[in-house]
Protein backbone atom coordinates (compact mmCIF):
# COMPACT_ATOMS: atom_id res chain seq x y z
CA MET A 1 34.14 10.84 25.14
CA LEU A 2 37.82 11.06 26.08
CA PRO A 3 39.08 13.95 28.20
CA PRO A 4 41.08 16.38 26.02
CA ARG A 5 44.35 15.57 27.77
CA LEU A 6 43.93 11.81 27.16
CA GLY A 7 42.71 12.00 23.57
CA GLY A 8 46.10 12.90 22.08
CA PRO A 9 48.24 10.18 23.69
CA ILE A 10 45.61 7.48 23.12
CA LEU A 11 44.91 8.38 19.49
CA ALA A 12 48.54 9.04 18.52
CA PRO A 13 49.42 5.33 18.01
CA LEU A 14 46.32 4.91 15.84
CA ARG A 15 47.37 7.85 13.69
CA ILE A 16 50.86 6.39 13.35
CA LEU A 17 49.44 3.01 12.32
CA ARG A 18 47.14 4.67 9.81
CA ALA A 19 49.99 6.68 8.30
CA PHE A 20 52.14 3.53 8.14
CA GLY A 21 49.31 1.66 6.39
CA ARG A 22 48.90 4.45 3.84
CA ARG A 23 52.65 4.45 3.20
CA ILE A 24 52.75 0.70 2.59
CA GLY A 25 49.64 0.92 0.42
CA SER A 26 51.24 3.66 -1.69
CA ILE A 27 54.44 1.67 -2.13
CA LEU A 28 52.46 -1.36 -3.34
CA THR A 29 50.24 0.78 -5.59
CA THR A 30 53.27 2.46 -7.15
CA LEU A 31 54.89 -0.92 -7.71
CA ALA A 32 51.76 -2.33 -9.36
CA TYR A 33 51.43 0.62 -11.76
CA ARG A 34 55.17 0.65 -12.47
CA PHE A 35 54.76 -2.76 -14.10
CA SER A 36 51.42 -2.08 -15.80
CA CYS A 37 51.89 1.42 -17.29
CA ASN A 38 53.40 1.86 -20.74
CA SER A 39 56.26 3.92 -19.27
CA PHE A 40 57.00 4.93 -15.69
CA GLY A 41 59.77 7.41 -14.84
CA SER A 42 61.98 7.13 -11.80
CA GLY A 43 60.73 8.82 -8.65
CA THR A 44 57.08 8.75 -9.75
CA ARG A 45 54.63 7.83 -6.99
CA ILE A 46 51.00 6.71 -7.14
CA GLN A 47 49.27 6.89 -3.78
CA PHE A 48 46.96 4.19 -2.52
CA GLY A 49 43.38 5.00 -3.54
CA ALA A 50 44.23 6.47 -6.96
CA TYR A 51 42.50 4.73 -9.90
CA ILE A 52 43.98 4.45 -13.40
CA ARG A 53 41.95 2.80 -16.14
CA GLU A 54 43.91 1.20 -18.98
CA PRO A 55 47.36 1.83 -17.47
CA ILE A 56 48.98 0.34 -20.59
CA ARG A 57 48.12 3.65 -22.31
CA ILE A 58 49.66 5.83 -19.58
CA ASN A 59 53.16 7.30 -19.87
CA PHE A 60 54.69 8.91 -16.77
CA GLY A 61 57.79 11.08 -16.73
CA GLU A 62 60.07 11.34 -13.70
CA ASN A 63 59.09 12.47 -10.19
CA CYS A 64 55.35 12.67 -10.83
CA LEU A 65 52.81 12.37 -8.01
CA VAL A 66 49.25 11.06 -8.30
CA SER A 67 47.37 11.56 -5.03
CA SER A 68 44.81 9.28 -3.44
CA GLY A 69 41.35 9.85 -4.86
CA ALA A 70 42.51 10.91 -8.33
CA ASP A 71 41.11 8.88 -11.22
CA PHE A 72 42.03 8.51 -14.88
CA THR A 73 39.21 7.13 -17.02
CA ALA A 74 37.96 7.04 -20.62
CA ASP A 75 34.62 6.80 -22.40
CA GLY A 76 35.26 3.60 -24.33
CA THR A 77 38.79 2.65 -25.25
CA GLY A 78 41.08 5.44 -24.17
CA ARG A 79 43.92 7.01 -26.08
CA ALA A 80 47.38 7.71 -24.73
CA LEU A 81 47.96 9.90 -21.68
CA PHE A 82 51.40 11.51 -21.41
CA PHE A 83 52.91 13.15 -18.31
CA GLY A 84 56.09 15.19 -18.38
CA ASN A 85 58.44 15.35 -15.41
CA ASN A 86 57.42 16.68 -11.97
CA VAL A 87 53.69 16.71 -12.69
CA GLN A 88 51.45 16.70 -9.60
CA VAL A 89 47.85 15.46 -9.71
CA ASN A 90 46.02 16.07 -6.44
CA SER A 91 43.14 14.30 -4.72
CA GLY A 92 39.77 14.23 -6.47
CA VAL A 93 41.15 15.12 -9.90
CA HIS A 94 39.42 13.42 -12.84
CA LEU A 95 41.46 13.04 -16.04
CA ASP A 96 39.56 11.79 -19.07
CA HIS A 97 41.81 10.25 -21.71
CA SER A 98 39.15 9.25 -24.21
CA GLY A 99 41.10 11.54 -26.53
CA MET A 100 44.86 11.87 -26.25
CA LEU A 101 46.00 14.03 -23.32
CA SER A 102 49.51 15.43 -22.88
CA ILE A 103 50.58 17.28 -19.72
CA GLY A 104 53.86 19.22 -19.67
CA ASN A 105 56.67 19.36 -17.12
CA HIS A 106 56.09 20.98 -13.70
CA THR A 107 52.32 21.25 -14.15
CA LEU A 108 50.15 21.21 -11.02
CA ILE A 109 46.52 20.07 -11.09
CA SER A 110 44.75 21.04 -7.87
CA GLU A 111 42.08 19.18 -5.91
CA GLY A 112 38.84 18.30 -7.65
CA ALA A 113 39.76 19.61 -11.11
CA LEU A 114 38.02 17.90 -14.05
CA ILE A 115 39.71 17.59 -17.45
CA TYR A 116 37.72 16.21 -20.40
CA THR A 117 38.83 15.07 -23.86
CA HIS A 118 35.46 13.98 -25.23
CA ASP A 119 32.03 15.47 -25.76
CA HIS A 120 28.53 14.12 -26.44
CA GLY A 121 26.99 17.36 -27.68
CA LEU A 122 23.33 17.57 -26.61
CA ASP A 123 22.72 13.81 -26.62
CA PRO A 124 24.34 12.04 -23.65
CA ARG A 125 23.75 8.66 -25.35
CA SER A 126 25.48 9.59 -28.59
CA SER A 127 28.91 8.32 -29.55
CA PRO A 128 31.61 10.54 -28.04
CA THR A 129 33.47 13.09 -30.12
CA LEU A 130 37.12 12.80 -29.15
CA CYS A 131 39.23 15.94 -28.73
CA ASP A 132 42.97 15.61 -28.18
CA LYS A 133 44.32 18.07 -25.60
CA THR A 134 47.76 19.51 -24.79
CA ILE A 135 48.54 21.19 -21.47
CA GLY A 136 51.87 23.01 -21.51
CA GLU A 137 54.70 23.24 -19.00
CA ASN A 138 54.41 25.12 -15.69
CA VAL A 139 50.63 25.29 -15.84
CA TRP A 140 48.59 25.60 -12.64
CA ILE A 141 45.03 24.31 -12.85
CA GLY A 142 43.13 25.52 -9.79
CA ALA A 143 40.87 23.54 -7.49
CA ARG A 144 37.40 22.57 -8.77
CA SER A 145 38.08 24.01 -12.21
CA ILE A 146 36.66 22.26 -15.28
CA ILE A 147 38.54 22.02 -18.58
CA MET A 148 35.98 21.17 -21.26
CA ALA A 149 36.72 19.12 -24.37
CA SER A 150 36.35 22.26 -26.53
CA CYS A 151 39.59 23.55 -24.99
CA THR A 152 42.32 21.64 -26.84
CA GLU A 153 45.36 23.60 -25.67
CA ILE A 154 46.52 25.38 -22.52
CA GLY A 155 49.74 27.27 -23.13
CA LYS A 156 52.94 27.27 -21.12
CA GLY A 157 52.77 29.06 -17.77
CA ALA A 158 49.00 29.58 -17.80
CA VAL A 159 47.06 29.77 -14.53
CA ILE A 160 43.46 28.59 -14.30
CA ALA A 161 41.74 30.12 -11.26
CA ALA A 162 39.84 27.87 -8.86
CA GLY A 163 36.29 27.10 -9.94
CA SER A 164 36.76 28.26 -13.54
CA VAL A 165 35.10 26.58 -16.52
CA VAL A 166 37.46 26.65 -19.49
CA THR A 167 35.70 26.32 -22.85
CA ARG A 168 38.34 27.62 -25.30
CA ASN A 169 42.09 27.48 -25.83
CA ILE A 170 44.25 29.41 -23.36
CA PRO A 171 47.39 31.20 -24.61
CA ALA A 172 50.77 30.91 -22.91
CA GLY A 173 51.07 32.88 -19.67
CA ALA A 174 47.38 33.75 -19.45
CA VAL A 175 45.71 34.01 -16.05
CA VAL A 176 42.03 33.12 -16.50
CA ALA A 177 39.00 33.00 -14.22
CA GLY A 178 35.22 32.78 -14.38
CA ILE A 179 32.37 30.83 -15.96
CA PRO A 180 33.17 30.71 -18.79
CA ALA A 181 36.82 31.53 -18.09
CA LYS A 182 38.13 34.82 -19.46
CA ILE A 183 41.67 36.16 -19.61
CA LEU A 184 42.48 38.55 -16.76
CA TYR A 185 46.04 39.30 -17.86
CA ILE A 186 49.16 37.74 -19.41
CA ARG A 187 52.09 36.91 -17.17
CA SER A 188 55.68 37.86 -18.04
CA GLU A 189 57.98 35.41 -19.84
CA ARG A 190 60.00 34.99 -16.64
CA ALA A 191 56.87 34.12 -14.67
CA LYS A 192 55.84 31.50 -17.22
CA ASN A 193 59.08 29.64 -16.54
CA HIS A 194 59.02 29.93 -12.74
CA LEU A 195 55.49 29.07 -11.66
CA THR A 196 56.52 27.05 -8.61
CA LYS A 197 58.90 29.76 -7.36
CA GLU A 198 56.47 32.61 -7.87
CA ILE A 199 53.40 31.12 -6.18
């Protein structure tokens, strides 16, 4: 074991090399998806370690970020997945685009959130029932929350608290929490439009 005073200087070059490797990996990953996605807006970045199934069905707006560890998959042949501008998808997020999924401008999806667009009912081996889903602008989906297929719309400016399980549609500006998620209150119109400034 290294003495505390030596650990920093010795490990610093390794950290720099690791960060440089991640940066190069992200540049190459972004480049690969830029040419394989259906549309890919300027400034959008896909970090190394993100996984996108059927990129030909994915449409990115401008200045989006998909973090390492996020994955976009489908049960069978997926439908289209649309991102607005300035959408951020953090590490560990799972987006299911078995049904069509549309995500509005300035929406933030926090670590480990799960978003589903299909359901098997009570038989996991049955054919999936596809449920198209629309997530509005300026929505914040908290860490480890689960958006079930039965929720087909999350309105503009809504906030989903961390760890919530959303089973029904969420109106614009609603702040929801719990299992199943329930509305705590409705935010003001100004707050719906300024999520990133308010939080």
